[in-house]
Amino acid sequence: MNKGDLVEDFSAKDQDGNTVTLSDLVAEGPIVLFFYPKAMTPG
């Protein structure tokens, strides 16, 4: 993945257990996404 690449819409649970989608977040304004490996895994 590179800066400026388009990604498909996806959903995930927030800290309260509510499902949120990328499209919902983008509709509210600019966002920054960080992806990082799961703790204690190589990568």
N, C-alpha and C. Protein backbone atom coordinates (compact mmCIF):
# COMPACT_ATOMS: atom_id res chain seq x y z
N MET A 1 0.85 -1.16 0.00
CA MET A 1 0.00 0.00 0.00
C MET A 1 0.90 1.23 0.00
N ASN A 2 0.56 2.18 -0.84
CA ASN A 2 1.34 3.41 -0.94
C ASN A 2 0.45 4.61 -0.72
N LYS A 3 1.06 5.72 -0.36
CA LYS A 3 0.33 6.97 -0.18
C LYS A 3 -0.50 7.25 -1.42
N GLY A 4 -1.78 7.57 -1.22
CA GLY A 4 -2.66 7.89 -2.32
C GLY A 4 -3.40 6.71 -2.91
N ASP A 5 -3.05 5.47 -2.51
CA ASP A 5 -3.76 4.29 -3.01
C ASP A 5 -5.20 4.30 -2.49
N LEU A 6 -6.12 3.84 -3.30
CA LEU A 6 -7.51 3.70 -2.88
C LEU A 6 -7.70 2.33 -2.25
N VAL A 7 -8.51 2.29 -1.21
CA VAL A 7 -8.80 1.02 -0.54
C VAL A 7 -10.30 0.78 -0.55
N GLU A 8 -10.68 -0.49 -0.48
CA GLU A 8 -12.08 -0.83 -0.40
C GLU A 8 -12.62 -0.46 0.98
N ASP A 9 -13.93 -0.17 1.04
CA ASP A 9 -14.56 0.12 2.31
C ASP A 9 -14.44 -1.09 3.23
N PHE A 10 -14.22 -0.86 4.51
CA PHE A 10 -14.17 -1.96 5.47
C PHE A 10 -14.78 -1.50 6.78
N SER A 11 -15.09 -2.47 7.63
CA SER A 11 -15.66 -2.15 8.93
C SER A 11 -14.81 -2.78 10.03
N ALA A 12 -14.89 -2.19 11.22
CA ALA A 12 -14.17 -2.68 12.38
C ALA A 12 -14.91 -2.22 13.63
N LYS A 13 -14.57 -2.84 14.74
CA LYS A 13 -15.17 -2.46 16.02
C LYS A 13 -14.34 -1.34 16.65
N ASP A 14 -15.03 -0.36 17.25
CA ASP A 14 -14.32 0.69 17.96
C ASP A 14 -14.11 0.28 19.42
N GLN A 15 -13.55 1.18 20.21
CA GLN A 15 -13.23 0.87 21.60
C GLN A 15 -14.46 0.53 22.44
N ASP A 16 -15.66 0.90 21.96
CA ASP A 16 -16.90 0.62 22.69
C ASP A 16 -17.64 -0.59 22.14
N GLY A 17 -17.06 -1.24 21.13
CA GLY A 17 -17.69 -2.42 20.55
C GLY A 17 -18.67 -2.11 19.43
N ASN A 18 -18.78 -0.83 19.05
CA ASN A 18 -19.66 -0.44 17.94
C ASN A 18 -18.96 -0.66 16.61
N THR A 19 -19.70 -1.09 15.61
CA THR A 19 -19.14 -1.28 14.28
C THR A 19 -19.11 0.05 13.55
N VAL A 20 -17.96 0.41 13.02
CA VAL A 20 -17.80 1.62 12.22
C VAL A 20 -17.21 1.23 10.87
N THR A 21 -17.53 2.00 9.85
CA THR A 21 -17.00 1.74 8.52
C THR A 21 -16.09 2.88 8.08
N LEU A 22 -15.18 2.56 7.20
CA LEU A 22 -14.30 3.59 6.66
C LEU A 22 -15.11 4.69 6.00
N SER A 23 -16.13 4.32 5.25
CA SER A 23 -16.94 5.33 4.55
C SER A 23 -17.63 6.28 5.53
N ASP A 24 -18.08 5.77 6.69
CA ASP A 24 -18.69 6.64 7.70
C ASP A 24 -17.68 7.64 8.24
N LEU A 25 -16.46 7.18 8.50
CA LEU A 25 -15.43 8.06 9.03
C LEU A 25 -15.03 9.13 8.02
N VAL A 26 -14.89 8.75 6.76
CA VAL A 26 -14.50 9.69 5.71
C VAL A 26 -15.60 10.74 5.52
N ALA A 27 -16.86 10.36 5.67
CA ALA A 27 -17.97 11.30 5.51
C ALA A 27 -17.91 12.42 6.56
N GLU A 28 -17.29 12.14 7.71
CA GLU A 28 -17.19 13.13 8.77
C GLU A 28 -16.03 14.09 8.57
N GLY A 29 -15.10 13.76 7.70
CA GLY A 29 -13.95 14.63 7.45
C GLY A 29 -12.70 13.82 7.19
N PRO A 30 -11.57 14.51 6.98
CA PRO A 30 -10.31 13.80 6.71
C PRO A 30 -9.93 12.89 7.88
N ILE A 31 -9.31 11.77 7.55
CA ILE A 31 -8.85 10.82 8.57
C ILE A 31 -7.44 10.36 8.23
N VAL A 32 -6.75 9.84 9.22
CA VAL A 32 -5.44 9.22 9.05
C VAL A 32 -5.55 7.81 9.60
N LEU A 33 -5.14 6.82 8.81
CA LEU A 33 -5.17 5.43 9.25
C LEU A 33 -3.75 4.95 9.51
N PHE A 34 -3.58 4.24 10.61
CA PHE A 34 -2.30 3.61 10.92
C PHE A 34 -2.52 2.12 10.96
N PHE A 35 -1.68 1.37 10.28
CA PHE A 35 -1.71 -0.09 10.32
C PHE A 35 -0.40 -0.56 10.93
N TYR A 36 -0.49 -1.45 11.88
CA TYR A 36 0.72 -1.97 12.50
C TYR A 36 0.50 -3.44 12.85
N PRO A 37 1.57 -4.20 12.95
CA PRO A 37 1.42 -5.63 13.25
C PRO A 37 0.91 -5.85 14.67
N LYS A 38 0.24 -6.96 14.85
CA LYS A 38 -0.24 -7.35 16.17
C LYS A 38 0.96 -7.47 17.12
N ALA A 39 0.77 -7.09 18.37
CA ALA A 39 1.83 -7.15 19.35
C ALA A 39 2.43 -8.55 19.44
N MET A 40 3.73 -8.58 19.64
CA MET A 40 4.47 -9.83 19.83
C MET A 40 4.46 -10.73 18.60
N THR A 41 4.34 -10.16 17.40
CA THR A 41 4.43 -10.92 16.16
C THR A 41 5.55 -10.32 15.32
N PRO A 42 6.16 -11.12 14.45
CA PRO A 42 7.19 -10.56 13.58
C PRO A 42 6.57 -9.64 12.54
N GLY A 43 7.27 -8.64 12.13
CA GLY A 43 6.74 -7.82 11.08
C GLY A 43 7.00 -6.40 11.27
